[in-house]
């Protein structure tokens, strides 16, 4: 199997391609759609390492009254630094 020789970073990149194809051409079937769960798992397995600057911005926004979720994960598996879901 092709995916067996790919590392998590490579499978993560394929997941991004699959999401792009789905958004741009929703009527098309992505060739690796049967492996989409495996690709998404590799993508979401990536460690989130927020920077000190991100934390400072988050703290400042909280003080200004902008409530938000820090490192919010969308249903597609994307991690947003700050979000109001």
C-alpha atoms as a PDB file:
ATOM      1  CA  UNK A   1       0.000   0.000   0.000  1.00  0.00           C
ATOM      2  CA  UNK A   2       1.261   3.451  -0.932  1.00  0.00           C
ATOM      3  CA  UNK A   3       0.306   5.073   2.382  1.00  0.00           C
ATOM      4  CA  UNK A   4       2.365   2.516   4.274  1.00  0.00           C
ATOM      5  CA  UNK A   5       5.605   3.984   2.958  1.00  0.00           C
ATOM      6  CA  UNK A   6       4.632   7.580   3.753  1.00  0.00           C
ATOM      7  CA  UNK A   7       5.434   9.224   7.064  1.00  0.00           C
ATOM      8  CA  UNK A   8       2.947  11.335   9.058  1.00  0.00           C
ATOM      9  CA  UNK A   9       4.109  14.580   7.473  1.00  0.00           C
ATOM     10  CA  UNK A  10       3.564  13.216   3.979  1.00  0.00           C
ATOM     11  CA  UNK A  11       0.136  11.807   4.899  1.00  0.00           C
ATOM     12  CA  UNK A  12      -0.727  15.169   6.481  1.00  0.00           C
ATOM     13  CA  UNK A  13       0.075  16.909   3.210  1.00  0.00           C
ATOM     14  CA  UNK A  14      -2.148  14.483   1.322  1.00  0.00           C
ATOM     15  CA  UNK A  15      -4.963  15.279   3.748  1.00  0.00           C
ATOM     16  CA  UNK A  16      -4.634  18.981   2.899  1.00  0.00           C
ATOM     17  CA  UNK A  17      -4.804  18.114  -0.795  1.00  0.00           C
ATOM     18  CA  UNK A  18      -7.946  16.050  -0.156  1.00  0.00           C
ATOM     19  CA  UNK A  19      -9.615  18.947   1.691  1.00  0.00           C
ATOM     20  CA  UNK A  20      -8.657  21.334  -1.120  1.00  0.00           C
ATOM     21  CA  UNK A  21     -10.094  19.025  -3.776  1.00  0.00           C
ATOM     22  CA  UNK A  22     -13.288  18.619  -1.762  1.00  0.00           C
ATOM     23  CA  UNK A  23     -13.724  22.396  -1.394  1.00  0.00           C
ATOM     24  CA  UNK A  24     -12.810  23.344  -4.960  1.00  0.00           C
ATOM     25  CA  UNK A  25     -14.472  20.466  -6.792  1.00  0.00           C
ATOM     26  CA  UNK A  26     -17.121  18.946  -4.495  1.00  0.00           C
ATOM     27  CA  UNK A  27     -18.492  16.742  -7.298  1.00  0.00           C
ATOM     28  CA  UNK A  28     -15.147  14.952  -7.740  1.00  0.00           C
ATOM     29  CA  UNK A  29     -14.155  11.911  -5.731  1.00  0.00           C
ATOM     30  CA  UNK A  30     -10.658  12.140  -4.269  1.00  0.00           C
ATOM     31  CA  UNK A  31      -8.675   9.060  -5.419  1.00  0.00           C
ATOM     32  CA  UNK A  32      -7.599   8.248  -1.855  1.00  0.00           C
ATOM     33  CA  UNK A  33     -11.016   8.846  -0.288  1.00  0.00           C
ATOM     34  CA  UNK A  34     -10.993   5.344   1.240  1.00  0.00           C
ATOM     35  CA  UNK A  35      -7.852   6.323   3.187  1.00  0.00           C
ATOM     36  CA  UNK A  36      -9.143   9.764   4.218  1.00  0.00           C
ATOM     37  CA  UNK A  37      -9.474   8.760   7.873  1.00  0.00           C
ATOM     38  CA  UNK A  38      -5.833   7.641   7.965  1.00  0.00           C
ATOM     39  CA  UNK A  39      -4.720  10.891   6.321  1.00  0.00           C
ATOM     40  CA  UNK A  40      -6.759  13.012   8.748  1.00  0.00           C
ATOM     41  CA  UNK A  41      -5.387  11.075  11.713  1.00  0.00           C
ATOM     42  CA  UNK A  42      -1.842  11.833  10.592  1.00  0.00           C
ATOM     43  CA  UNK A  43      -2.751  15.505  10.176  1.00  0.00           C
ATOM     44  CA  UNK A  44      -4.409  15.893  13.578  1.00  0.00           C
ATOM     45  CA  UNK A  45      -1.664  13.924  15.292  1.00  0.00           C
ATOM     46  CA  UNK A  46       0.733  16.802  14.664  1.00  0.00           C
ATOM     47  CA  UNK A  47       1.740  18.475  17.895  1.00  0.00           C
ATOM     48  CA  UNK A  48       0.387  21.950  18.481  1.00  0.00           C
ATOM     49  CA  UNK A  49       3.087  24.179  19.882  1.00  0.00           C
ATOM     50  CA  UNK A  50       1.790  27.697  20.424  1.00  0.00           C
ATOM     51  CA  UNK A  51       4.383  30.435  20.579  1.00  0.00           C
ATOM     52  CA  UNK A  52       4.864  32.823  23.468  1.00  0.00           C
ATOM     53  CA  UNK A  53       3.551  35.593  21.215  1.00  0.00           C
ATOM     54  CA  UNK A  54       0.328  33.631  20.564  1.00  0.00           C
ATOM     55  CA  UNK A  55      -0.198  33.232  24.295  1.00  0.00           C
ATOM     56  CA  UNK A  56       0.423  36.942  24.888  1.00  0.00           C
ATOM     57  CA  UNK A  57      -2.056  37.928  22.160  1.00  0.00           C
ATOM     58  CA  UNK A  58      -4.621  35.563  23.620  1.00  0.00           C
ATOM     59  CA  UNK A  59      -4.162  37.049  27.089  1.00  0.00           C
ATOM     60  CA  UNK A  60      -4.422  40.607  25.744  1.00  0.00           C
ATOM     61  CA  UNK A  61      -7.624  39.812  23.836  1.00  0.00           C
ATOM     62  CA  UNK A  62      -9.156  38.241  26.947  1.00  0.00           C
ATOM     63  CA  UNK A  63      -8.359  41.420  28.898  1.00  0.00           C
ATOM     64  CA  UNK A  64     -10.063  43.462  26.177  1.00  0.00           C
ATOM     65  CA  UNK A  65     -13.167  41.309  26.546  1.00  0.00           C
ATOM     66  CA  UNK A  66     -12.809  39.237  23.381  1.00  0.00           C
ATOM     67  CA  UNK A  67     -13.566  35.762  24.637  1.00  0.00           C
ATOM     68  CA  UNK A  68     -12.218  33.004  22.449  1.00  0.00           C
ATOM     69  CA  UNK A  69     -10.982  29.467  22.323  1.00  0.00           C
ATOM     70  CA  UNK A  70      -7.229  29.025  22.181  1.00  0.00           C
ATOM     71  CA  UNK A  71      -5.990  26.416  19.660  1.00  0.00           C
ATOM     72  CA  UNK A  72      -9.481  25.541  18.435  1.00  0.00           C
ATOM     73  CA  UNK A  73      -9.722  22.456  16.232  1.00  0.00           C
ATOM     74  CA  UNK A  74     -12.281  22.539  13.416  1.00  0.00           C
ATOM     75  CA  UNK A  75     -14.262  19.503  12.315  1.00  0.00           C
ATOM     76  CA  UNK A  76     -11.862  19.231   9.352  1.00  0.00           C
ATOM     77  CA  UNK A  77      -8.943  18.916  11.749  1.00  0.00           C
ATOM     78  CA  UNK A  78      -7.484  22.392  11.302  1.00  0.00           C
ATOM     79  CA  UNK A  79      -6.076  24.066  14.389  1.00  0.00           C
ATOM     80  CA  UNK A  80      -6.931  27.762  14.621  1.00  0.00           C
ATOM     81  CA  UNK A  81      -4.761  29.840  16.934  1.00  0.00           C
ATOM     82  CA  UNK A  82      -7.746  31.809  18.246  1.00  0.00           C
ATOM     83  CA  UNK A  83     -11.402  31.319  17.384  1.00  0.00           C
ATOM     84  CA  UNK A  84     -14.922  32.154  18.423  1.00  0.00           C
ATOM     85  CA  UNK A  85     -16.688  28.946  17.401  1.00  0.00           C
END
